[in-house]
Amino acid sequence: MSKLDEIDIKLLKEIDKRPGQPLARAAEALLDRRSQRVLYKRLLDLEAQQLISVDRRSEKRRSRATITEKGKAAIMGRENPCPAPEARFS
């Protein structure tokens, strides 16, 4: 699994905020930082890592994204880093 960066985490948080939204809407918030093509590739990479699931069947020409438990864990890992060594042993 590749290391998640700030863009990946923001995409995951966006999908977590609005589950079932189209991929295009999830990428919309970051279009000022990356091109649409790059963001779609990132979303496909997140799907390949099983951090999101994408439903391509329920609606024609619409791919809807939802975050997986693994994706939620990745977000939580970033928000709650390991405690300092002295806190672990007390």
PDB file of N, CA and C in Angstrom:
ATOM      1  N   MET A   1       0.839  -1.180   0.000  1.00  0.00           N
ATOM      2  CA  MET A   1       0.000   0.000   0.000  1.00  0.00           C
ATOM      3  C   MET A   1       0.882   1.240   0.000  1.00  0.00           C
ATOM      4  N   SER A   2       0.575   2.177  -0.855  1.00  0.00           N
ATOM      5  CA  SER A   2       1.357   3.397  -0.899  1.00  0.00           C
ATOM      6  C   SER A   2       0.941   4.311   0.254  1.00  0.00           C
ATOM      7  N   LYS A   3       1.833   5.200   0.591  1.00  0.00           N
ATOM      8  CA  LYS A   3       1.581   6.113   1.694  1.00  0.00           C
ATOM      9  C   LYS A   3       0.567   7.171   1.260  1.00  0.00           C
ATOM     10  N   LEU A   4      -0.372   7.472   2.123  1.00  0.00           N
ATOM     11  CA  LEU A   4      -1.385   8.472   1.818  1.00  0.00           C
ATOM     12  C   LEU A   4      -0.836   9.863   2.110  1.00  0.00           C
ATOM     13  N   ASP A   5      -1.108  10.791   1.200  1.00  0.00           N
ATOM     14  CA  ASP A   5      -0.677  12.163   1.427  1.00  0.00           C
ATOM     15  C   ASP A   5      -1.897  13.029   1.734  1.00  0.00           C
ATOM     16  N   GLU A   6      -1.666  14.317   1.808  1.00  0.00           N
ATOM     17  CA  GLU A   6      -2.713  15.274   2.174  1.00  0.00           C
ATOM     18  C   GLU A   6      -3.904  15.223   1.203  1.00  0.00           C
ATOM     19  N   ILE A   7      -3.629  15.098  -0.084  1.00  0.00           N
ATOM     20  CA  ILE A   7      -4.705  15.046  -1.086  1.00  0.00           C
ATOM     21  C   ILE A   7      -5.561  13.796  -0.880  1.00  0.00           C
ATOM     22  N   ASP A   8      -4.926  12.650  -0.683  1.00  0.00           N
ATOM     23  CA  ASP A   8      -5.670  11.411  -0.461  1.00  0.00           C
ATOM     24  C   ASP A   8      -6.554  11.511   0.775  1.00  0.00           C
ATOM     25  N   ILE A   9      -6.013  12.055   1.846  1.00  0.00           N
ATOM     26  CA  ILE A   9      -6.769  12.193   3.093  1.00  0.00           C
ATOM     27  C   ILE A   9      -7.961  13.126   2.884  1.00  0.00           C
ATOM     28  N   LYS A  10      -7.750  14.222   2.153  1.00  0.00           N
ATOM     29  CA  LYS A  10      -8.865  15.145   1.891  1.00  0.00           C
ATOM     30  C   LYS A  10      -9.948  14.470   1.051  1.00  0.00           C
ATOM     31  N   LEU A  11      -9.546  13.667   0.074  1.00  0.00           N
ATOM     32  CA  LEU A  11     -10.537  12.929  -0.724  1.00  0.00           C
ATOM     33  C   LEU A  11     -11.312  11.952   0.160  1.00  0.00           C
ATOM     34  N   LEU A  12     -10.614  11.236   1.024  1.00  0.00           N
ATOM     35  CA  LEU A  12     -11.276  10.300   1.930  1.00  0.00           C
ATOM     36  C   LEU A  12     -12.257  11.019   2.857  1.00  0.00           C
ATOM     37  N   LYS A  13     -11.843  12.148   3.396  1.00  0.00           N
ATOM     38  CA  LYS A  13     -12.721  12.910   4.292  1.00  0.00           C
ATOM     39  C   LYS A  13     -13.956  13.425   3.552  1.00  0.00           C
ATOM     40  N   GLU A  14     -13.765  13.863   2.326  1.00  0.00           N
ATOM     41  CA  GLU A  14     -14.890  14.352   1.513  1.00  0.00           C
ATOM     42  C   GLU A  14     -15.894  13.225   1.263  1.00  0.00           C
ATOM     43  N   ILE A  15     -15.395  12.051   0.956  1.00  0.00           N
ATOM     44  CA  ILE A  15     -16.280  10.904   0.711  1.00  0.00           C
ATOM     45  C   ILE A  15     -16.951  10.456   2.008  1.00  0.00           C
ATOM     46  N   ASP A  16     -16.225  10.549   3.110  1.00  0.00           N
ATOM     47  CA  ASP A  16     -16.797  10.189   4.410  1.00  0.00           C
ATOM     48  C   ASP A  16     -17.920  11.148   4.793  1.00  0.00           C
ATOM     49  N   LYS A  17     -17.753  12.432   4.457  1.00  0.00           N
ATOM     50  CA  LYS A  17     -18.764  13.449   4.770  1.00  0.00           C
ATOM     51  C   LYS A  17     -20.070  13.210   4.020  1.00  0.00           C
ATOM     52  N   ARG A  18     -19.955  12.808   2.759  1.00  0.00           N
ATOM     53  CA  ARG A  18     -21.131  12.620   1.896  1.00  0.00           C
ATOM     54  C   ARG A  18     -21.060  11.272   1.184  1.00  0.00           C
ATOM     55  N   PRO A  19     -21.357  10.184   1.907  1.00  0.00           N
ATOM     56  CA  PRO A  19     -21.289   8.862   1.267  1.00  0.00           C
ATOM     57  C   PRO A  19     -22.287   8.747   0.113  1.00  0.00           C
ATOM     58  N   GLY A  20     -21.881   8.073  -0.937  1.00  0.00           N
ATOM     59  CA  GLY A  20     -22.756   7.869  -2.088  1.00  0.00           C
ATOM     60  C   GLY A  20     -22.722   8.991  -3.107  1.00  0.00           C
ATOM     61  N   GLN A  21     -21.854   9.967  -2.893  1.00  0.00           N
ATOM     62  CA  GLN A  21     -21.767  11.061  -3.861  1.00  0.00           C
ATOM     63  C   GLN A  21     -20.988  10.607  -5.096  1.00  0.00           C
ATOM     64  N   PRO A  22     -21.255  11.212  -6.237  1.00  0.00           N
ATOM     65  CA  PRO A  22     -20.495  10.869  -7.445  1.00  0.00           C
ATOM     66  C   PRO A  22     -19.015  11.205  -7.272  1.00  0.00           C
ATOM     67  N   LEU A  23     -18.171  10.467  -7.977  1.00  0.00           N
ATOM     68  CA  LEU A  23     -16.730  10.718  -7.920  1.00  0.00           C
ATOM     69  C   LEU A  23     -16.402  12.159  -8.294  1.00  0.00           C
ATOM     70  N   ALA A  24     -17.101  12.685  -9.278  1.00  0.00           N
ATOM     71  CA  ALA A  24     -16.841  14.058  -9.732  1.00  0.00           C
ATOM     72  C   ALA A  24     -17.057  15.057  -8.600  1.00  0.00           C
ATOM     73  N   ARG A  25     -18.073  14.854  -7.799  1.00  0.00           N
ATOM     74  CA  ARG A  25     -18.335  15.776  -6.701  1.00  0.00           C
ATOM     75  C   ARG A  25     -17.275  15.639  -5.608  1.00  0.00           C
ATOM     76  N   ALA A  26     -16.815  14.438  -5.363  1.00  0.00           N
ATOM     77  CA  ALA A  26     -15.771  14.229  -4.356  1.00  0.00           C
ATOM     78  C   ALA A  26     -14.488  14.952  -4.758  1.00  0.00           C
ATOM     79  N   ALA A  27     -14.193  14.956  -6.051  1.00  0.00           N
ATOM     80  CA  ALA A  27     -12.971  15.585  -6.546  1.00  0.00           C
ATOM     81  C   ALA A  27     -13.110  17.099  -6.674  1.00  0.00           C
ATOM     82  N   GLU A  28     -14.324  17.589  -6.744  1.00  0.00           N
ATOM     83  CA  GLU A  28     -14.596  19.006  -6.987  1.00  0.00           C
ATOM     84  C   GLU A  28     -13.881  19.937  -6.007  1.00  0.00           C
ATOM     85  N   ALA A  29     -13.852  19.554  -4.736  1.00  0.00           N
ATOM     86  CA  ALA A  29     -13.274  20.422  -3.708  1.00  0.00           C
ATOM     87  C   ALA A  29     -11.778  20.636  -3.888  1.00  0.00           C
ATOM     88  N   LEU A  30     -11.117  19.768  -4.624  1.00  0.00           N
ATOM     89  CA  LEU A  30      -9.664  19.866  -4.774  1.00  0.00           C
ATOM     90  C   LEU A  30      -9.218  20.275  -6.179  1.00  0.00           C
ATOM     91  N   LEU A  31     -10.146  20.706  -7.006  1.00  0.00           N
ATOM     92  CA  LEU A  31      -9.786  21.078  -8.378  1.00  0.00           C
ATOM     93  C   LEU A  31      -8.849  22.280  -8.443  1.00  0.00           C
ATOM     94  N   ASP A  32      -8.795  23.062  -7.387  1.00  0.00           N
ATOM     95  CA  ASP A  32      -7.868  24.201  -7.387  1.00  0.00           C
ATOM     96  C   ASP A  32      -6.427  23.757  -7.124  1.00  0.00           C
ATOM     97  N   ARG A  33      -6.260  22.517  -6.647  1.00  0.00           N
ATOM     98  CA  ARG A  33      -4.917  22.012  -6.321  1.00  0.00           C
ATOM     99  C   ARG A  33      -4.394  20.992  -7.324  1.00  0.00           C
ATOM    100  N   ARG A  34      -5.293  20.246  -7.961  1.00  0.00           N
ATOM    101  CA  ARG A  34      -4.905  19.209  -8.927  1.00  0.00           C
ATOM    102  C   ARG A  34      -5.923  19.181 -10.069  1.00  0.00           C
ATOM    103  N   SER A  35      -5.508  18.634 -11.201  1.00  0.00           N
ATOM    104  CA  SER A  35      -6.423  18.526 -12.333  1.00  0.00           C
ATOM    105  C   SER A  35      -7.436  17.404 -12.079  1.00  0.00           C
ATOM    106  N   GLN A  36      -8.523  17.453 -12.815  1.00  0.00           N
ATOM    107  CA  GLN A  36      -9.567  16.444 -12.659  1.00  0.00           C
ATOM    108  C   GLN A  36      -9.015  15.046 -12.972  1.00  0.00           C
ATOM    109  N   ARG A  37      -8.193  14.953 -13.987  1.00  0.00           N
ATOM    110  CA  ARG A  37      -7.607  13.660 -14.366  1.00  0.00           C
ATOM    111  C   ARG A  37      -6.753  13.080 -13.228  1.00  0.00           C
ATOM    112  N   VAL A  38      -5.943  13.906 -12.602  1.00  0.00           N
ATOM    113  CA  VAL A  38      -5.090  13.453 -11.500  1.00  0.00           C
ATOM    114  C   VAL A  38      -5.950  13.014 -10.314  1.00  0.00           C
ATOM    115  N   LEU A  39      -6.991  13.777 -10.017  1.00  0.00           N
ATOM    116  CA  LEU A  39      -7.859  13.436  -8.893  1.00  0.00           C
ATOM    117  C   LEU A  39      -8.610  12.127  -9.148  1.00  0.00           C
ATOM    118  N   TYR A  40      -9.068  11.900 -10.379  1.00  0.00           N
ATOM    119  CA  TYR A  40      -9.731  10.632 -10.711  1.00  0.00           C
ATOM    120  C   TYR A  40      -8.758   9.463 -10.534  1.00  0.00           C
ATOM    121  N   LYS A  41      -7.513   9.672 -10.958  1.00  0.00           N
ATOM    122  CA  LYS A  41      -6.512   8.609 -10.771  1.00  0.00           C
ATOM    123  C   LYS A  41      -6.319   8.321  -9.287  1.00  0.00           C
ATOM    124  N   ARG A  42      -6.280   9.376  -8.489  1.00  0.00           N
ATOM    125  CA  ARG A  42      -6.147   9.203  -7.041  1.00  0.00           C
ATOM    126  C   ARG A  42      -7.327   8.410  -6.485  1.00  0.00           C
ATOM    127  N   LEU A  43      -8.529   8.737  -6.943  1.00  0.00           N
ATOM    128  CA  LEU A  43      -9.720   8.022  -6.471  1.00  0.00           C
ATOM    129  C   LEU A  43      -9.660   6.548  -6.871  1.00  0.00           C
ATOM    130  N   LEU A  44      -9.204   6.268  -8.072  1.00  0.00           N
ATOM    131  CA  LEU A  44      -9.072   4.876  -8.506  1.00  0.00           C
ATOM    132  C   LEU A  44      -8.014   4.147  -7.686  1.00  0.00           C
ATOM    133  N   ASP A  45      -6.942   4.851  -7.327  1.00  0.00           N
ATOM    134  CA  ASP A  45      -5.914   4.255  -6.469  1.00  0.00           C
ATOM    135  C   ASP A  45      -6.476   3.960  -5.073  1.00  0.00           C
ATOM    136  N   LEU A  46      -7.287   4.881  -4.543  1.00  0.00           N
ATOM    137  CA  LEU A  46      -7.912   4.646  -3.235  1.00  0.00           C
ATOM    138  C   LEU A  46      -8.840   3.435  -3.298  1.00  0.00           C
ATOM    139  N   GLU A  47      -9.523   3.275  -4.421  1.00  0.00           N
ATOM    140  CA  GLU A  47     -10.386   2.101  -4.593  1.00  0.00           C
ATOM    141  C   GLU A  47      -9.541   0.829  -4.665  1.00  0.00           C
ATOM    142  N   ALA A  48      -8.432   0.872  -5.378  1.00  0.00           N
ATOM    143  CA  ALA A  48      -7.558  -0.296  -5.498  1.00  0.00           C
ATOM    144  C   ALA A  48      -6.978  -0.701  -4.140  1.00  0.00           C
ATOM    145  N   GLN A  49      -6.777   0.283  -3.269  1.00  0.00           N
ATOM    146  CA  GLN A  49      -6.266   0.012  -1.921  1.00  0.00           C
ATOM    147  C   GLN A  49      -7.392  -0.369  -0.961  1.00  0.00           C
ATOM    148  N   GLN A  50      -8.619  -0.423  -1.473  1.00  0.00           N
ATOM    149  CA  GLN A  50      -9.816  -0.779  -0.708  1.00  0.00           C
ATOM    150  C   GLN A  50     -10.120   0.221   0.405  1.00  0.00           C
ATOM    151  N   LEU A  51      -9.780   1.474   0.179  1.00  0.00           N
ATOM    152  CA  LEU A  51     -10.099   2.522   1.137  1.00  0.00           C
ATOM    153  C   LEU A  51     -11.466   3.135   0.841  1.00  0.00           C
ATOM    154  N   ILE A  52     -11.893   3.026  -0.419  1.00  0.00           N
ATOM    155  CA  ILE A  52     -13.247   3.420  -0.807  1.00  0.00           C
ATOM    156  C   ILE A  52     -13.827   2.316  -1.681  1.00  0.00           C
ATOM    157  N   SER A  53     -15.145   2.285  -1.751  1.00  0.00           N
ATOM    158  CA  SER A  53     -15.790   1.389  -2.707  1.00  0.00           C
ATOM    159  C   SER A  53     -16.572   2.269  -3.684  1.00  0.00           C
ATOM    160  N   VAL A  54     -16.599   1.859  -4.936  1.00  0.00           N
ATOM    161  CA  VAL A  54     -17.249   2.649  -5.975  1.00  0.00           C
ATOM    162  C   VAL A  54     -18.318   1.799  -6.635  1.00  0.00           C
ATOM    163  N   ASP A  55     -19.557   2.314  -6.599  1.00  0.00           N
ATOM    164  CA  ASP A  55     -20.694   1.639  -7.214  1.00  0.00           C
ATOM    165  C   ASP A  55     -20.873   2.200  -8.615  1.00  0.00           C
ATOM    166  N   ARG A  56     -20.628   1.371  -9.608  1.00  0.00           N
ATOM    167  CA  ARG A  56     -20.752   1.805 -11.005  1.00  0.00           C
ATOM    168  C   ARG A  56     -21.987   1.221 -11.674  1.00  0.00           C
ATOM    169  N   ARG A  57     -22.782   0.468 -10.950  1.00  0.00           N
ATOM    170  CA  ARG A  57     -23.884  -0.264 -11.568  1.00  0.00           C
ATOM    171  C   ARG A  57     -25.265   0.323 -11.320  1.00  0.00           C
ATOM    172  N   SER A  58     -25.477   0.983 -10.199  1.00  0.00           N
ATOM    173  CA  SER A  58     -26.836   1.401  -9.861  1.00  0.00           C
ATOM    174  C   SER A  58     -27.373   2.503 -10.773  1.00  0.00           C
ATOM    175  N   GLU A  59     -26.503   3.377 -11.261  1.00  0.00           N
ATOM    176  CA  GLU A  59     -26.924   4.450 -12.164  1.00  0.00           C
ATOM    177  C   GLU A  59     -26.001   4.491 -13.368  1.00  0.00           C
ATOM    178  N   LYS A  60     -26.596   4.606 -14.525  1.00  0.00           N
ATOM    179  CA  LYS A  60     -25.808   4.687 -15.749  1.00  0.00           C
ATOM    180  C   LYS A  60     -24.986   5.980 -15.764  1.00  0.00           C
ATOM    181  N   ARG A  61     -23.722   5.879 -16.086  1.00  0.00           N
ATOM    182  CA  ARG A  61     -22.785   7.001 -16.197  1.00  0.00           C
ATOM    183  C   ARG A  61     -22.537   7.746 -14.891  1.00  0.00           C
ATOM    184  N   ARG A  62     -22.825   7.114 -13.773  1.00  0.00           N
ATOM    185  CA  ARG A  62     -22.540   7.715 -12.464  1.00  0.00           C
ATOM    186  C   ARG A  62     -21.813   6.704 -11.604  1.00  0.00           C
ATOM    187  N   SER A  63     -20.683   7.087 -11.078  1.00  0.00           N
ATOM    188  CA  SER A  63     -19.929   6.243 -10.156  1.00  0.00           C
ATOM    189  C   SER A  63     -20.020   6.881  -8.784  1.00  0.00           C
ATOM    190  N   ARG A  64     -20.594   6.160  -7.857  1.00  0.00           N
ATOM    191  CA  ARG A  64     -20.816   6.701  -6.514  1.00  0.00           C
ATOM    192  C   ARG A  64     -19.848   6.069  -5.520  1.00  0.00           C
ATOM    193  N   ALA A  65     -19.220   6.910  -4.730  1.00  0.00           N
ATOM    194  CA  ALA A  65     -18.180   6.460  -3.808  1.00  0.00           C
ATOM    195  C   ALA A  65     -18.667   6.439  -2.365  1.00  0.00           C
ATOM    196  N   THR A  66     -18.222   5.429  -1.643  1.00  0.00           N
ATOM    197  CA  THR A  66     -18.426   5.347  -0.196  1.00  0.00           C
ATOM    198  C   THR A  66     -17.113   4.917   0.430  1.00  0.00           C
ATOM    199  N   ILE A  67     -16.881   5.392   1.629  1.00  0.00           N
ATOM    200  CA  ILE A  67     -15.642   5.044   2.327  1.00  0.00           C
ATOM    201  C   ILE A  67     -15.820   3.680   2.997  1.00  0.00           C
ATOM    202  N   THR A  68     -14.755   2.925   3.046  1.00  0.00           N
ATOM    203  CA  THR A  68     -14.787   1.612   3.699  1.00  0.00           C
ATOM    204  C   THR A  68     -14.262   1.762   5.133  1.00  0.00           C
ATOM    205  N   GLU A  69     -14.377   0.692   5.894  1.00  0.00           N
ATOM    206  CA  GLU A  69     -13.838   0.706   7.259  1.00  0.00           C
ATOM    207  C   GLU A  69     -12.327   0.929   7.233  1.00  0.00           C
ATOM    208  N   LYS A  70     -11.683   0.348   6.253  1.00  0.00           N
ATOM    209  CA  LYS A  70     -10.238   0.534   6.102  1.00  0.00           C
ATOM    210  C   LYS A  70      -9.909   2.008   5.818  1.00  0.00           C
ATOM    211  N   GLY A  71     -10.754   2.662   5.028  1.00  0.00           N
ATOM    212  CA  GLY A  71     -10.579   4.085   4.741  1.00  0.00           C
ATOM    213  C   GLY A  71     -10.785   4.940   5.974  1.00  0.00           C
ATOM    214  N   LYS A  72     -11.800   4.598   6.772  1.00  0.00           N
ATOM    215  CA  LYS A  72     -12.043   5.337   8.020  1.00  0.00           C
ATOM    216  C   LYS A  72     -10.866   5.170   8.972  1.00  0.00           C
ATOM    217  N   ALA A  73     -10.320   3.964   9.017  1.00  0.00           N
ATOM    218  CA  ALA A  73      -9.163   3.709   9.877  1.00  0.00           C
ATOM    219  C   ALA A  73      -7.958   4.529   9.419  1.00  0.00           C
ATOM    220  N   ALA A  74      -7.803   4.691   8.114  1.00  0.00           N
ATOM    221  CA  ALA A  74      -6.694   5.489   7.585  1.00  0.00           C
ATOM    222  C   ALA A  74      -6.832   6.947   7.999  1.00  0.00           C
ATOM    223  N   ILE A  75      -8.052   7.464   7.974  1.00  0.00           N
ATOM    224  CA  ILE A  75      -8.287   8.841   8.411  1.00  0.00           C
ATOM    225  C   ILE A  75      -7.995   8.959   9.899  1.00  0.00           C
ATOM    226  N   MET A  76      -8.502   8.034  10.679  1.00  0.00           N
ATOM    227  CA  MET A  76      -8.298   8.081  12.134  1.00  0.00           C
ATOM    228  C   MET A  76      -6.819   7.968  12.486  1.00  0.00           C
ATOM    229  N   GLY A  77      -6.084   7.170  11.739  1.00  0.00           N
ATOM    230  CA  GLY A  77      -4.653   7.035  11.974  1.00  0.00           C
ATOM    231  C   GLY A  77      -3.926   8.348  11.783  1.00  0.00           C
ATOM    232  N   ARG A  78      -4.409   9.157  10.860  1.00  0.00           N
ATOM    233  CA  ARG A  78      -3.791  10.460  10.608  1.00  0.00           C
ATOM    234  C   ARG A  78      -4.190  11.475  11.671  1.00  0.00           C
ATOM    235  N   GLU A  79      -5.443  11.394  12.139  1.00  0.00           N
ATOM    236  CA  GLU A  79      -5.927  12.362  13.119  1.00  0.00           C
ATOM    237  C   GLU A  79      -5.440  12.032  14.524  1.00  0.00           C
ATOM    238  N   ASN A  80      -5.256  10.745  14.819  1.00  0.00           N
ATOM    239  CA  ASN A  80      -4.832  10.312  16.143  1.00  0.00           C
ATOM    240  C   ASN A  80      -3.519   9.552  16.039  1.00  0.00           C
ATOM    241  N   PRO A  81      -2.411  10.264  15.878  1.00  0.00           N
ATOM    242  CA  PRO A  81      -1.132   9.560  15.765  1.00  0.00           C
ATOM    243  C   PRO A  81      -0.800   8.832  17.069  1.00  0.00           C
ATOM    244  N   CYS A  82       0.154   7.941  17.000  1.00  0.00           N
ATOM    245  CA  CYS A  82       0.571   7.191  18.190  1.00  0.00           C
ATOM    246  C   CYS A  82       0.960   8.163  19.297  1.00  0.00           C
ATOM    247  N   PRO A  83       0.629   7.814  20.533  1.00  0.00           N
ATOM    248  CA  PRO A  83       1.018   8.701  21.627  1.00  0.00           C
ATOM    249  C   PRO A  83       2.534   8.730  21.800  1.00  0.00           C
ATOM    250  N   ALA A  84       2.987   9.737  22.461  1.00  0.00           N
ATOM    251  CA  ALA A  84       4.428   9.865  22.731  1.00  0.00           C
ATOM    252  C   ALA A  84       4.891   8.660  23.542  1.00  0.00           C
ATOM    253  N   PRO A  85       6.152   8.246  23.402  1.00  0.00           N
ATOM    254  CA  PRO A  85       6.645   7.067  24.102  1.00  0.00           C
ATOM    255  C   PRO A  85       6.407   7.101  25.605  1.00  0.00           C
ATOM    256  N   GLU A  86       6.554   8.259  26.230  1.00  0.00           N
ATOM    257  CA  GLU A  86       6.363   8.321  27.668  1.00  0.00           C
ATOM    258  C   GLU A  86       4.901   8.087  28.057  1.00  0.00           C
ATOM    259  N   ALA A  87       3.959   8.416  27.189  1.00  0.00           N
ATOM    260  CA  ALA A  87       2.547   8.203  27.482  1.00  0.00           C
ATOM    261  C   ALA A  87       2.172   6.725  27.350  1.00  0.00           C
ATOM    262  N   ARG A  88       2.879   5.994  26.488  1.00  0.00           N
ATOM    263  CA  ARG A  88       2.544   4.579  26.279  1.00  0.00           C
ATOM    264  C   ARG A  88       2.894   3.720  27.479  1.00  0.00           C
ATOM    265  N   PHE A  89       3.913   4.084  28.223  1.00  0.00           N
ATOM    266  CA  PHE A  89       4.389   3.238  29.312  1.00  0.00           C
ATOM    267  C   PHE A  89       3.903   3.670  30.685  1.00  0.00           C
ATOM    268  N   SER A  90       3.098   4.701  30.769  1.00  0.00           N
ATOM    269  CA  SER A  90       2.635   5.137  32.081  1.00  0.00           C
ATOM    270  C   SER A  90       1.337   4.489  32.481  1.00  0.00           C
TER     271      SER A  90
END
